[in-house]
Amino acid sequence: MQIPKELSSCTNKALYRLSVGDMTCAEMLAYLVDPRRKNTGFPSEVAERVVALLKDEGFLDDKRYLRIAVRKLDLALAGPRKIRETLTRHRFPLQYVEAALNRSVDYTARAKALLTKKTGAAALAQTPQGRKKLMDHLVRQGYDFSTAREAVDAFSGEDSTFSD
C-alpha cells in the first residue's frame, strides 16, 4: 500500500509531539494545522485523518488524558476556577470540563489543606494582613473569595476581619 508523503510526514510529526507529552485530539489537530510551527501547517483534511488514526490506535485518548490531568490538579489542591481554566486551555470538550467540576469535592477542606502546605502560613494567619495574603494565595490557586475566607478562618481559628 502506498501512503502519501504528506500523510506520512504528518503522522511522524504527530508521533514526535506525543513523545513529549499527551495531548487532546483538539490540541493535536490545532498543532498539526498551525502554519507558524516548524514543519507543521498540514492541510486540515490530512491532519484530521492523522488524528482519527491516532485515536483509533490508542495514541490519543481524551478520557485517559482527562483522568491524568484531573489527578494532577487534585494533587496540587487546585480550586475549581483553576481546574476549569487548565482543562479549557487543553481544549477538553465542555462536557468533560463540567464533569470534572461536578465531582463531589469539599473545596473548603482542600483550600485549608493547601494552607497547611504553605510555608509560613501559621505565622501569616496571626495578623489581618497575613490572613489577606493567605486569601490572595488561595484566590490565585483557583478558589473563590468565599471559599478562601472560610478556609483562612478555619485555618487561623478566628473570624475574619475583612470587609466584602
C-alpha atoms as a PDB file:
ATOM      1  CA  MET A   1       0.000   0.000   0.000  1.00  0.00           C
ATOM      2  CA  GLN A   2       1.300   3.414  -0.971  1.00  0.00           C
ATOM      3  CA  ILE A   3       0.956   6.072   1.759  1.00  0.00           C
ATOM      4  CA  PRO A   4       1.034   9.685   0.577  1.00  0.00           C
ATOM      5  CA  LYS A   5       4.182  11.502   1.673  1.00  0.00           C
ATOM      6  CA  GLU A   6       2.193  14.294   3.307  1.00  0.00           C
ATOM      7  CA  LEU A   7       0.176  11.829   5.421  1.00  0.00           C
ATOM      8  CA  SER A   8       3.349  10.039   6.472  1.00  0.00           C
ATOM      9  CA  SER A   9       5.071  13.297   7.357  1.00  0.00           C
ATOM     10  CA  CYS A  10       2.052  14.478   9.352  1.00  0.00           C
ATOM     11  CA  THR A  11       1.863  11.169  11.239  1.00  0.00           C
ATOM     12  CA  ASN A  12       5.556  11.317  12.076  1.00  0.00           C
ATOM     13  CA  LYS A  13       5.208  14.889  13.351  1.00  0.00           C
ATOM     14  CA  ALA A  14       2.212  13.886  15.495  1.00  0.00           C
ATOM     15  CA  LEU A  15       4.021  10.882  16.971  1.00  0.00           C
ATOM     16  CA  TYR A  16       7.075  13.002  17.675  1.00  0.00           C
ATOM     17  CA  ARG A  17       4.897  15.532  19.516  1.00  0.00           C
ATOM     18  CA  LEU A  18       3.237  12.757  21.538  1.00  0.00           C
ATOM     19  CA  SER A  19       6.672  11.594  22.650  1.00  0.00           C
ATOM     20  CA  VAL A  20       6.927  14.896  24.531  1.00  0.00           C
ATOM     21  CA  GLY A  21       3.576  14.519  26.302  1.00  0.00           C
ATOM     22  CA  ASP A  22      -0.120  13.765  25.982  1.00  0.00           C
ATOM     23  CA  MET A  23      -2.496  15.985  24.070  1.00  0.00           C
ATOM     24  CA  THR A  24      -6.204  16.065  23.446  1.00  0.00           C
ATOM     25  CA  CYS A  25      -7.477  15.372  19.945  1.00  0.00           C
ATOM     26  CA  ALA A  26      -8.366  19.057  19.545  1.00  0.00           C
ATOM     27  CA  GLU A  27      -4.899  20.142  20.680  1.00  0.00           C
ATOM     28  CA  MET A  28      -3.253  17.744  18.245  1.00  0.00           C
ATOM     29  CA  LEU A  29      -5.404  18.934  15.368  1.00  0.00           C
ATOM     30  CA  ALA A  30      -4.585  22.577  16.136  1.00  0.00           C
ATOM     31  CA  TYR A  31      -0.899  21.679  16.460  1.00  0.00           C
ATOM     32  CA  LEU A  32      -0.758  19.913  13.099  1.00  0.00           C
ATOM     33  CA  VAL A  33      -2.522  22.637  11.109  1.00  0.00           C
ATOM     34  CA  ASP A  34      -0.672  25.572  12.722  1.00  0.00           C
ATOM     35  CA  PRO A  35       1.448  27.157   9.965  1.00  0.00           C
ATOM     36  CA  ARG A  36       3.574  29.104  12.475  1.00  0.00           C
ATOM     37  CA  ARG A  37       5.176  25.968  13.929  1.00  0.00           C
ATOM     38  CA  LYS A  38       8.205  24.348  12.376  1.00  0.00           C
ATOM     39  CA  ASN A  39       7.309  21.518   9.969  1.00  0.00           C
ATOM     40  CA  THR A  40       3.562  21.783  10.545  1.00  0.00           C
ATOM     41  CA  GLY A  41       0.844  23.638   8.676  1.00  0.00           C
ATOM     42  CA  PHE A  42      -0.635  20.494   7.165  1.00  0.00           C
ATOM     43  CA  PRO A  43      -3.994  20.704   5.356  1.00  0.00           C
ATOM     44  CA  SER A  44      -6.892  20.151   7.749  1.00  0.00           C
ATOM     45  CA  GLU A  45      -8.073  17.041   5.860  1.00  0.00           C
ATOM     46  CA  VAL A  46      -4.680  15.365   6.331  1.00  0.00           C
ATOM     47  CA  ALA A  47      -4.471  16.412   9.981  1.00  0.00           C
ATOM     48  CA  GLU A  48      -7.989  15.119  10.659  1.00  0.00           C
ATOM     49  CA  ARG A  49      -7.097  11.743   9.107  1.00  0.00           C
ATOM     50  CA  VAL A  50      -3.967  11.512  11.266  1.00  0.00           C
ATOM     51  CA  VAL A  51      -5.875  12.453  14.439  1.00  0.00           C
ATOM     52  CA  ALA A  52      -8.524   9.825  13.651  1.00  0.00           C
ATOM     53  CA  LEU A  53      -5.805   7.225  13.036  1.00  0.00           C
ATOM     54  CA  LEU A  54      -4.012   8.055  16.282  1.00  0.00           C
ATOM     55  CA  LYS A  55      -7.299   7.935  18.164  1.00  0.00           C
ATOM     56  CA  ASP A  56      -8.178   4.532  16.667  1.00  0.00           C
ATOM     57  CA  GLU A  57      -4.736   3.175  17.556  1.00  0.00           C
ATOM     58  CA  GLY A  58      -4.989   4.454  21.153  1.00  0.00           C
ATOM     59  CA  PHE A  59      -2.295   7.107  20.944  1.00  0.00           C
ATOM     60  CA  LEU A  60      -4.845   9.860  21.543  1.00  0.00           C
ATOM     61  CA  ASP A  61      -7.411   9.257  24.276  1.00  0.00           C
ATOM     62  CA  ASP A  62      -9.129  12.335  25.690  1.00  0.00           C
ATOM     63  CA  LYS A  63     -10.747  10.463  28.593  1.00  0.00           C
ATOM     64  CA  ARG A  64      -7.471   8.937  29.748  1.00  0.00           C
ATOM     65  CA  TYR A  65      -5.715  12.284  29.444  1.00  0.00           C
ATOM     66  CA  LEU A  66      -8.560  13.943  31.370  1.00  0.00           C
ATOM     67  CA  ARG A  67      -8.132  11.488  34.249  1.00  0.00           C
ATOM     68  CA  ILE A  68      -4.397  12.222  34.340  1.00  0.00           C
ATOM     69  CA  ALA A  69      -4.918  15.994  34.212  1.00  0.00           C
ATOM     70  CA  VAL A  70      -7.579  15.956  36.942  1.00  0.00           C
ATOM     71  CA  ARG A  71      -5.388  13.758  39.138  1.00  0.00           C
ATOM     72  CA  LYS A  72      -2.516  16.252  38.784  1.00  0.00           C
ATOM     73  CA  LEU A  73      -4.824  19.138  39.639  1.00  0.00           C
ATOM     74  CA  ASP A  74      -6.171  17.218  42.639  1.00  0.00           C
ATOM     75  CA  LEU A  75      -2.644  16.547  43.895  1.00  0.00           C
ATOM     76  CA  ALA A  76      -1.866  20.251  43.507  1.00  0.00           C
ATOM     77  CA  LEU A  77      -5.048  21.035  45.513  1.00  0.00           C
ATOM     78  CA  ALA A  78      -6.261  23.342  42.744  1.00  0.00           C
ATOM     79  CA  GLY A  79      -9.501  25.255  43.100  1.00  0.00           C
ATOM     80  CA  PRO A  80     -12.450  24.989  40.727  1.00  0.00           C
ATOM     81  CA  ARG A  81     -11.536  28.080  38.687  1.00  0.00           C
ATOM     82  CA  LYS A  82      -8.008  26.787  38.072  1.00  0.00           C
ATOM     83  CA  ILE A  83      -9.385  23.349  37.150  1.00  0.00           C
ATOM     84  CA  ARG A  84     -11.737  24.943  34.608  1.00  0.00           C
ATOM     85  CA  GLU A  85      -9.001  27.155  33.145  1.00  0.00           C
ATOM     86  CA  THR A  86      -6.486  24.328  32.837  1.00  0.00           C
ATOM     87  CA  LEU A  87      -8.886  21.873  31.232  1.00  0.00           C
ATOM     88  CA  THR A  88     -10.242  24.531  28.878  1.00  0.00           C
ATOM     89  CA  ARG A  89      -6.710  25.532  27.869  1.00  0.00           C
ATOM     90  CA  HIS A  90      -6.062  21.903  26.899  1.00  0.00           C
ATOM     91  CA  ARG A  91      -9.199  22.043  24.730  1.00  0.00           C
ATOM     92  CA  PHE A  92     -11.123  19.319  26.503  1.00  0.00           C
ATOM     93  CA  PRO A  93     -14.767  19.141  25.435  1.00  0.00           C
ATOM     94  CA  LEU A  94     -17.044  21.240  27.638  1.00  0.00           C
ATOM     95  CA  GLN A  95     -18.871  18.150  28.937  1.00  0.00           C
ATOM     96  CA  TYR A  96     -15.571  16.741  30.250  1.00  0.00           C
ATOM     97  CA  VAL A  97     -14.756  20.021  31.986  1.00  0.00           C
ATOM     98  CA  GLU A  98     -18.198  20.146  33.595  1.00  0.00           C
ATOM     99  CA  ALA A  99     -17.924  16.518  34.714  1.00  0.00           C
ATOM    100  CA  ALA A 100     -14.575  17.258  36.369  1.00  0.00           C
ATOM    101  CA  LEU A 101     -16.072  20.239  38.183  1.00  0.00           C
ATOM    102  CA  ASN A 102     -19.272  18.454  39.239  1.00  0.00           C
ATOM    103  CA  ARG A 103     -17.433  15.837  41.268  1.00  0.00           C
ATOM    104  CA  SER A 104     -18.206  15.919  44.972  1.00  0.00           C
ATOM    105  CA  VAL A 105     -15.176  17.769  46.310  1.00  0.00           C
ATOM    106  CA  ASP A 106     -15.025  19.764  49.534  1.00  0.00           C
ATOM    107  CA  TYR A 107     -13.156  22.776  48.216  1.00  0.00           C
ATOM    108  CA  THR A 108     -13.019  24.456  51.636  1.00  0.00           C
ATOM    109  CA  ALA A 109     -11.224  21.458  53.136  1.00  0.00           C
ATOM    110  CA  ARG A 110      -8.969  21.328  50.082  1.00  0.00           C
ATOM    111  CA  ALA A 111      -8.124  25.022  50.469  1.00  0.00           C
ATOM    112  CA  LYS A 112      -7.355  24.507  54.151  1.00  0.00           C
ATOM    113  CA  ALA A 113      -5.065  21.597  53.244  1.00  0.00           C
ATOM    114  CA  LEU A 114      -3.306  23.864  50.750  1.00  0.00           C
ATOM    115  CA  LEU A 115      -2.730  26.397  53.523  1.00  0.00           C
ATOM    116  CA  THR A 116      -1.176  23.747  55.756  1.00  0.00           C
ATOM    117  CA  LYS A 117       1.340  23.019  52.981  1.00  0.00           C
ATOM    118  CA  LYS A 118       2.254  26.694  52.584  1.00  0.00           C
ATOM    119  CA  THR A 119       5.473  27.694  54.295  1.00  0.00           C
ATOM    120  CA  GLY A 120       4.894  30.346  56.959  1.00  0.00           C
ATOM    121  CA  ALA A 121       1.115  30.146  56.786  1.00  0.00           C
ATOM    122  CA  ALA A 122       0.732  29.716  60.550  1.00  0.00           C
ATOM    123  CA  ALA A 123       2.596  32.965  61.187  1.00  0.00           C
ATOM    124  CA  LEU A 124       0.656  34.795  58.494  1.00  0.00           C
ATOM    125  CA  ALA A 125      -2.646  33.633  59.976  1.00  0.00           C
ATOM    126  CA  GLN A 126      -1.953  35.639  63.143  1.00  0.00           C
ATOM    127  CA  THR A 127      -2.418  39.084  61.576  1.00  0.00           C
ATOM    128  CA  PRO A 128      -5.163  40.598  59.402  1.00  0.00           C
ATOM    129  CA  GLN A 129      -2.607  41.462  56.696  1.00  0.00           C
ATOM    130  CA  GLY A 130      -1.270  37.920  56.791  1.00  0.00           C
ATOM    131  CA  ARG A 131      -4.762  36.436  56.518  1.00  0.00           C
ATOM    132  CA  LYS A 132      -5.353  38.678  53.494  1.00  0.00           C
ATOM    133  CA  LYS A 133      -2.144  37.308  51.921  1.00  0.00           C
ATOM    134  CA  LEU A 134      -3.353  33.756  52.558  1.00  0.00           C
ATOM    135  CA  MET A 135      -6.715  34.556  50.967  1.00  0.00           C
ATOM    136  CA  ASP A 136      -4.983  36.100  47.958  1.00  0.00           C
ATOM    137  CA  HIS A 137      -2.879  32.950  47.634  1.00  0.00           C
ATOM    138  CA  LEU A 138      -5.998  30.778  47.609  1.00  0.00           C
ATOM    139  CA  VAL A 139      -7.709  33.010  45.049  1.00  0.00           C
ATOM    140  CA  ARG A 140      -4.641  32.696  42.789  1.00  0.00           C
ATOM    141  CA  GLN A 141      -4.906  28.911  43.164  1.00  0.00           C
ATOM    142  CA  GLY A 142      -8.438  28.986  41.757  1.00  0.00           C
ATOM    143  CA  TYR A 143     -10.688  29.310  44.812  1.00  0.00           C
ATOM    144  CA  ASP A 144     -13.476  31.843  45.014  1.00  0.00           C
ATOM    145  CA  PHE A 145     -13.404  34.550  47.658  1.00  0.00           C
ATOM    146  CA  SER A 146     -15.976  32.980  49.990  1.00  0.00           C
ATOM    147  CA  THR A 147     -14.224  29.595  49.986  1.00  0.00           C
ATOM    148  CA  ALA A 148     -10.879  31.279  50.598  1.00  0.00           C
ATOM    149  CA  ARG A 149     -12.357  33.240  53.502  1.00  0.00           C
ATOM    150  CA  GLU A 150     -13.871  30.106  55.065  1.00  0.00           C
ATOM    151  CA  ALA A 151     -10.588  28.215  54.732  1.00  0.00           C
ATOM    152  CA  VAL A 152      -8.491  31.038  56.199  1.00  0.00           C
ATOM    153  CA  ASP A 153     -10.977  31.476  59.066  1.00  0.00           C
ATOM    154  CA  ALA A 154     -10.879  27.753  59.802  1.00  0.00           C
ATOM    155  CA  PHE A 155      -7.091  27.689  59.490  1.00  0.00           C
ATOM    156  CA  SER A 156      -6.492  30.680  61.739  1.00  0.00           C
ATOM    157  CA  GLY A 157      -9.182  29.704  64.248  1.00  0.00           C
ATOM    158  CA  GLU A 158     -10.836  33.109  64.345  1.00  0.00           C
ATOM    159  CA  ASP A 159     -13.405  35.125  62.453  1.00  0.00           C
ATOM    160  CA  SER A 160     -12.282  37.160  59.509  1.00  0.00           C
ATOM    161  CA  THR A 161     -11.824  40.918  59.928  1.00  0.00           C
ATOM    162  CA  PHE A 162     -12.148  41.678  56.226  1.00  0.00           C
ATOM    163  CA  SER A 163     -14.957  43.549  54.625  1.00  0.00           C
ATOM    164  CA  ASP A 164     -16.532  42.159  51.472  1.00  0.00           C
END
